C-alpha atoms as a PDB file:
ATOM      1  CA  MET A   1      -0.116  -0.238  -0.064  1.00  0.00           C
ATOM      2  CA  SER A   2       1.332   3.453  -0.916  1.00  0.00           C
ATOM      3  CA  VAL A   3       1.724   6.363   1.528  1.00  0.00           C
ATOM      4  CA  GLU A   4      -0.548   8.134  -0.330  1.00  0.00           C
ATOM      5  CA  GLU A   5      -3.363   5.181   0.159  1.00  0.00           C
ATOM      6  CA  LEU A   6      -2.330   4.927   3.777  1.00  0.00           C
ATOM      7  CA  LYS A   7      -3.120   8.890   4.378  1.00  0.00           C
ATOM      8  CA  ARG A   8      -6.284   8.444   2.714  1.00  0.00           C
ATOM      9  CA  ASN A   9      -7.475   5.357   4.803  1.00  0.00           C
ATOM     10  CA  ALA A  10      -6.153   7.093   7.950  1.00  0.00           C
ATOM     11  CA  ARG A  11      -8.676   9.625   7.729  1.00  0.00           C
ATOM     12  CA  GLU A  12     -11.496   7.807   5.989  1.00  0.00           C
ATOM     13  CA  VAL A  13     -14.387   7.158   8.459  1.00  0.00           C
ATOM     14  CA  ASP A  14     -17.653   5.286   8.141  1.00  0.00           C
ATOM     15  CA  VAL A  15     -21.465   6.040   8.646  1.00  0.00           C
ATOM     16  CA  ILE A  16     -24.287   3.710   8.541  1.00  0.00           C
ATOM     17  CA  VAL A  17     -27.599   5.383   7.347  1.00  0.00           C
ATOM     18  CA  HIS A  18     -30.974   3.385   7.878  1.00  0.00           C
ATOM     19  CA  VAL A  19     -33.329   3.825   4.881  1.00  0.00           C
ATOM     20  CA  ASP A  20     -37.021   3.622   6.180  1.00  0.00           C
ATOM     21  CA  ASP A  21     -38.282   2.925   2.588  1.00  0.00           C
ATOM     22  CA  ARG A  22     -38.287  -0.460   1.123  1.00  0.00           C
ATOM     23  CA  LEU A  23     -36.144  -0.349  -2.063  1.00  0.00           C
ATOM     24  CA  ASP A  24     -35.911  -3.061  -4.897  1.00  0.00           C
ATOM     25  CA  GLN A  25     -31.966  -3.792  -6.030  1.00  0.00           C
ATOM     26  CA  CYS A  26     -32.193  -1.064  -8.973  1.00  0.00           C
ATOM     27  CA  SER A  27     -33.301   1.551  -6.571  1.00  0.00           C
ATOM     28  CA  ARG A  28     -30.453   0.473  -4.090  1.00  0.00           C
ATOM     29  CA  LEU A  29     -27.877   0.423  -7.012  1.00  0.00           C
ATOM     30  CA  ARG A  30     -29.066   3.745  -8.279  1.00  0.00           C
ATOM     31  CA  MET A  31     -28.734   5.468  -4.800  1.00  0.00           C
ATOM     32  CA  GLU A  32     -25.310   3.914  -3.961  1.00  0.00           C
ATOM     33  CA  ASP A  33     -24.280   5.731  -7.289  1.00  0.00           C
ATOM     34  CA  VAL A  34     -25.864   8.971  -6.432  1.00  0.00           C
ATOM     35  CA  VAL A  35     -24.341   8.667  -3.128  1.00  0.00           C
ATOM     36  CA  GLU A  36     -20.810   8.031  -4.452  1.00  0.00           C
ATOM     37  CA  ARG A  37     -21.005  10.726  -6.617  1.00  0.00           C
ATOM     38  CA  GLU A  38     -20.906  13.508  -3.725  1.00  0.00           C
ATOM     39  CA  PHE A  39     -17.386  14.990  -3.368  1.00  0.00           C
ATOM     40  CA  GLY A  40     -15.754  13.396  -0.198  1.00  0.00           C
ATOM     41  CA  VAL A  41     -17.697  10.006  -0.618  1.00  0.00           C
ATOM     42  CA  VAL A  42     -15.156   6.945  -1.153  1.00  0.00           C
ATOM     43  CA  LYS A  43     -17.958   4.247  -1.117  1.00  0.00           C
ATOM     44  CA  ALA A  44     -21.485   3.866  -0.543  1.00  0.00           C
ATOM     45  CA  ARG A  45     -23.067   0.115  -0.133  1.00  0.00           C
ATOM     46  CA  PHE A  46     -26.145  -1.550   1.060  1.00  0.00           C
ATOM     47  CA  ASN A  47     -25.565  -4.328   3.374  1.00  0.00           C
ATOM     48  CA  ALA A  48     -26.198  -7.609   1.616  1.00  0.00           C
ATOM     49  CA  GLN A  49     -28.450  -9.095   4.391  1.00  0.00           C
ATOM     50  CA  HIS A  50     -29.783  -5.844   5.800  1.00  0.00           C
ATOM     51  CA  HIS A  51     -31.097  -4.020   2.593  1.00  0.00           C
ATOM     52  CA  HIS A  52     -32.628  -1.076   4.558  1.00  0.00           C
ATOM     53  CA  LEU A  53     -28.854  -0.201   5.897  1.00  0.00           C
ATOM     54  CA  MET A  54     -26.217   1.744   3.883  1.00  0.00           C
ATOM     55  CA  ILE A  55     -22.671   1.849   5.033  1.00  0.00           C
ATOM     56  CA  VAL A  56     -20.850   4.981   3.521  1.00  0.00           C
ATOM     57  CA  ALA A  57     -17.029   5.578   3.662  1.00  0.00           C
ATOM     58  CA  TYR A  58     -16.243   9.236   3.489  1.00  0.00           C
ATOM     59  CA  ASP A  59     -13.477  11.616   4.240  1.00  0.00           C
ATOM     60  CA  PRO A  60     -14.625  13.932   6.820  1.00  0.00           C
ATOM     61  CA  GLU A  61     -12.202  16.526   5.689  1.00  0.00           C
ATOM     62  CA  GLN A  62     -14.260  16.905   2.562  1.00  0.00           C
ATOM     63  CA  ILE A  63     -17.811  15.967   3.748  1.00  0.00           C
ATOM     64  CA  ASN A  64     -19.598  15.324   6.804  1.00  0.00           C
ATOM     65  CA  SER A  65     -22.539  12.354   7.837  1.00  0.00           C
ATOM     66  CA  MET A  66     -25.100  15.098   7.976  1.00  0.00           C
ATOM     67  CA  MET A  67     -24.508  16.179   4.397  1.00  0.00           C
ATOM     68  CA  ILE A  68     -24.709  12.500   3.244  1.00  0.00           C
ATOM     69  CA  LEU A  69     -27.864  12.110   4.924  1.00  0.00           C
ATOM     70  CA  SER A  70     -29.244  15.051   3.223  1.00  0.00           C
ATOM     71  CA  ASN A  71     -28.497  13.840   0.036  1.00  0.00           C
ATOM     72  CA  ILE A  72     -29.866  10.625   0.568  1.00  0.00           C
ATOM     73  CA  LYS A  73     -33.253  12.355   1.804  1.00  0.00           C
ATOM     74  CA  HIS A  74     -33.221  14.370  -1.281  1.00  0.00           C
ATOM     75  CA  GLN A  75     -33.716  11.161  -3.141  1.00  0.00           C
ATOM     76  CA  ASN A  76     -37.542  11.074  -1.580  1.00  0.00           C
ATOM     77  CA  VAL A  77     -36.529   8.436   1.066  1.00  0.00           C
ATOM     78  CA  SER A  78     -36.991   8.645   4.604  1.00  0.00           C
ATOM     79  CA  ALA A  79     -33.595   7.753   6.390  1.00  0.00           C
ATOM     80  CA  GLN A  80     -31.564   8.666   9.544  1.00  0.00           C
ATOM     81  CA  LEU A  81     -27.995   8.031  10.644  1.00  0.00           C
ATOM     82  CA  VAL A  82     -27.361   4.987  12.909  1.00  0.00           C
END
């Protein structure tokens, strides 16, 4: 692993978002894509066993958890941070 990768991983944090709405697989994939396009988000994935939980890895120097939650809510779903 390069020094740059180590630095990036050192400041990367995860947040879990509970999505109240029942989404089909296509909707979940679309939401992951939208969230990942947000500046500062490294990765966004729904949990394979618990489809209502999205794990978002992000750089807290570029974006915060409330901004991520707001972005998700702008997709017309009910959600909250866990």
